[in-house]
Amino acid sequence: MSAREEELIAREMLEHPELLGIRLKEKRWAEVAALVRYAQRDVPKELAVTDPALYRTLREQVTRFFLRGGGALNLQKLEQLAAT
């Protein structure tokens, strides 16, 4: 999966948090790993200048992801599961 595809998947899952549970249940580990990776990297700071509204929205979504317990997801374990 390309970096752009990962970003789009992560942004979709941030916008629709219910997808995280669905994708975990369906064992779509690569997509869950893409979300965790995106959230850990945080929203690109350049967006604050180029698209402030998108930056604000993504920041709020990443914050909600962590407040809902997303930080407990282990990226290394998800990557191992995705590789199998």
C-alpha atoms as a PDB file:
ATOM      1  CA  MET A   1       0.000   0.000   0.000  1.00  0.00           C
ATOM      2  CA  SER A   2       1.377   3.409  -0.944  1.00  0.00           C
ATOM      3  CA  ALA A   3       1.862   6.277   1.493  1.00  0.00           C
ATOM      4  CA  ARG A   4      -1.029   8.167  -0.109  1.00  0.00           C
ATOM      5  CA  GLU A   5      -3.342   5.161   0.226  1.00  0.00           C
ATOM      6  CA  GLU A   6      -2.378   4.816   3.893  1.00  0.00           C
ATOM      7  CA  GLU A   7      -3.105   8.494   4.491  1.00  0.00           C
ATOM      8  CA  LEU A   8      -6.518   8.254   2.837  1.00  0.00           C
ATOM      9  CA  ILE A   9      -7.421   5.156   4.856  1.00  0.00           C
ATOM     10  CA  ALA A  10      -6.289   6.808   8.085  1.00  0.00           C
ATOM     11  CA  ARG A  11      -8.225   9.993   7.359  1.00  0.00           C
ATOM     12  CA  GLU A  12     -11.346   7.997   6.537  1.00  0.00           C
ATOM     13  CA  MET A  13     -11.061   6.085   9.806  1.00  0.00           C
ATOM     14  CA  LEU A  14     -10.490   9.292  11.758  1.00  0.00           C
ATOM     15  CA  GLU A  15     -13.574  10.826  10.185  1.00  0.00           C
ATOM     16  CA  HIS A  16     -15.662   7.709  10.883  1.00  0.00           C
ATOM     17  CA  PRO A  17     -14.381   6.268  14.208  1.00  0.00           C
ATOM     18  CA  GLU A  18     -16.826   3.348  14.044  1.00  0.00           C
ATOM     19  CA  LEU A  19     -14.702   1.923  11.195  1.00  0.00           C
ATOM     20  CA  LEU A  20     -11.893   1.115  13.636  1.00  0.00           C
ATOM     21  CA  GLY A  21     -13.975  -1.481  15.443  1.00  0.00           C
ATOM     22  CA  ILE A  22     -15.233  -2.932  12.164  1.00  0.00           C
ATOM     23  CA  ARG A  23     -11.732  -3.243  10.718  1.00  0.00           C
ATOM     24  CA  LEU A  24     -10.383  -4.775  13.916  1.00  0.00           C
ATOM     25  CA  LYS A  25     -13.183  -7.339  13.854  1.00  0.00           C
ATOM     26  CA  GLU A  26     -12.488  -8.076  10.171  1.00  0.00           C
ATOM     27  CA  LYS A  27      -8.769  -8.391  10.979  1.00  0.00           C
ATOM     28  CA  ARG A  28      -7.769  -5.741   8.453  1.00  0.00           C
ATOM     29  CA  TRP A  29      -4.511  -5.164  10.307  1.00  0.00           C
ATOM     30  CA  ALA A  30      -2.731  -3.147   7.608  1.00  0.00           C
ATOM     31  CA  GLU A  31      -5.491  -0.526   7.627  1.00  0.00           C
ATOM     32  CA  VAL A  32      -5.527  -0.293  11.414  1.00  0.00           C
ATOM     33  CA  ALA A  33      -1.728   0.010  11.381  1.00  0.00           C
ATOM     34  CA  ALA A  34      -2.017   2.842   8.833  1.00  0.00           C
ATOM     35  CA  LEU A  35      -4.336   4.702  11.199  1.00  0.00           C
ATOM     36  CA  VAL A  36      -2.060   4.244  14.212  1.00  0.00           C
ATOM     37  CA  ARG A  37       0.994   5.263  12.180  1.00  0.00           C
ATOM     38  CA  TYR A  38      -0.767   8.423  10.937  1.00  0.00           C
ATOM     39  CA  ALA A  39      -1.939   9.370  14.430  1.00  0.00           C
ATOM     40  CA  GLN A  40       1.533   8.827  15.922  1.00  0.00           C
ATOM     41  CA  ARG A  41       3.156  10.988  13.230  1.00  0.00           C
ATOM     42  CA  ASP A  42       0.506  13.649  13.885  1.00  0.00           C
ATOM     43  CA  VAL A  43      -1.042  16.031  11.408  1.00  0.00           C
ATOM     44  CA  PRO A  44       1.451  17.710   9.056  1.00  0.00           C
ATOM     45  CA  LYS A  45       2.203  21.202  10.394  1.00  0.00           C
ATOM     46  CA  GLU A  46       2.274  22.616   6.840  1.00  0.00           C
ATOM     47  CA  LEU A  47      -1.500  22.193   6.704  1.00  0.00           C
ATOM     48  CA  ALA A  48      -1.877  24.879   9.356  1.00  0.00           C
ATOM     49  CA  VAL A  49      -0.708  27.388   6.749  1.00  0.00           C
ATOM     50  CA  THR A  50      -1.997  25.849   3.523  1.00  0.00           C
ATOM     51  CA  ASP A  51      -5.393  24.607   4.761  1.00  0.00           C
ATOM     52  CA  PRO A  52      -6.166  25.754   8.321  1.00  0.00           C
ATOM     53  CA  ALA A  53      -9.677  24.279   8.366  1.00  0.00           C
ATOM     54  CA  LEU A  54      -8.439  20.811   7.372  1.00  0.00           C
ATOM     55  CA  TYR A  55      -5.589  21.066   9.886  1.00  0.00           C
ATOM     56  CA  ARG A  56      -8.014  21.924  12.702  1.00  0.00           C
ATOM     57  CA  THR A  57     -10.368  19.100  11.733  1.00  0.00           C
ATOM     58  CA  LEU A  58      -7.603  16.504  11.553  1.00  0.00           C
ATOM     59  CA  ARG A  59      -6.108  17.673  14.861  1.00  0.00           C
ATOM     60  CA  GLU A  60      -9.492  17.272  16.560  1.00  0.00           C
ATOM     61  CA  GLN A  61      -9.936  13.818  15.031  1.00  0.00           C
ATOM     62  CA  VAL A  62      -6.477  12.645  16.129  1.00  0.00           C
ATOM     63  CA  THR A  63      -7.126  13.966  19.628  1.00  0.00           C
ATOM     64  CA  ARG A  64     -10.446  12.072  19.774  1.00  0.00           C
ATOM     65  CA  PHE A  65      -8.676   8.926  18.534  1.00  0.00           C
ATOM     66  CA  PHE A  66      -6.253   9.080  21.463  1.00  0.00           C
ATOM     67  CA  LEU A  67      -8.971  10.003  23.974  1.00  0.00           C
ATOM     68  CA  ARG A  68     -10.926   6.917  22.897  1.00  0.00           C
ATOM     69  CA  GLY A  69      -7.928   4.715  23.690  1.00  0.00           C
ATOM     70  CA  GLY A  70      -6.204   4.579  20.310  1.00  0.00           C
ATOM     71  CA  GLY A  71      -2.844   5.031  21.988  1.00  0.00           C
ATOM     72  CA  ALA A  72      -3.177   1.529  23.439  1.00  0.00           C
ATOM     73  CA  LEU A  73      -2.906  -0.038  19.969  1.00  0.00           C
ATOM     74  CA  ASN A  74       0.555  -1.518  19.444  1.00  0.00           C
ATOM     75  CA  LEU A  75       1.883  -0.517  16.014  1.00  0.00           C
ATOM     76  CA  GLN A  76       4.617  -3.179  15.945  1.00  0.00           C
ATOM     77  CA  LYS A  77       2.111  -5.943  16.719  1.00  0.00           C
ATOM     78  CA  LEU A  78      -0.300  -4.660  14.067  1.00  0.00           C
ATOM     79  CA  GLU A  79       2.500  -4.617  11.498  1.00  0.00           C
ATOM     80  CA  GLN A  80       3.434  -8.207  12.411  1.00  0.00           C
ATOM     81  CA  LEU A  81      -0.184  -9.304  12.040  1.00  0.00           C
ATOM     82  CA  ALA A  82      -0.472  -7.499   8.701  1.00  0.00           C
ATOM     83  CA  ALA A  83       2.656  -9.239   7.404  1.00  0.00           C
ATOM     84  CA  THR A  84       1.250 -12.711   8.085  1.00  0.00           C
END
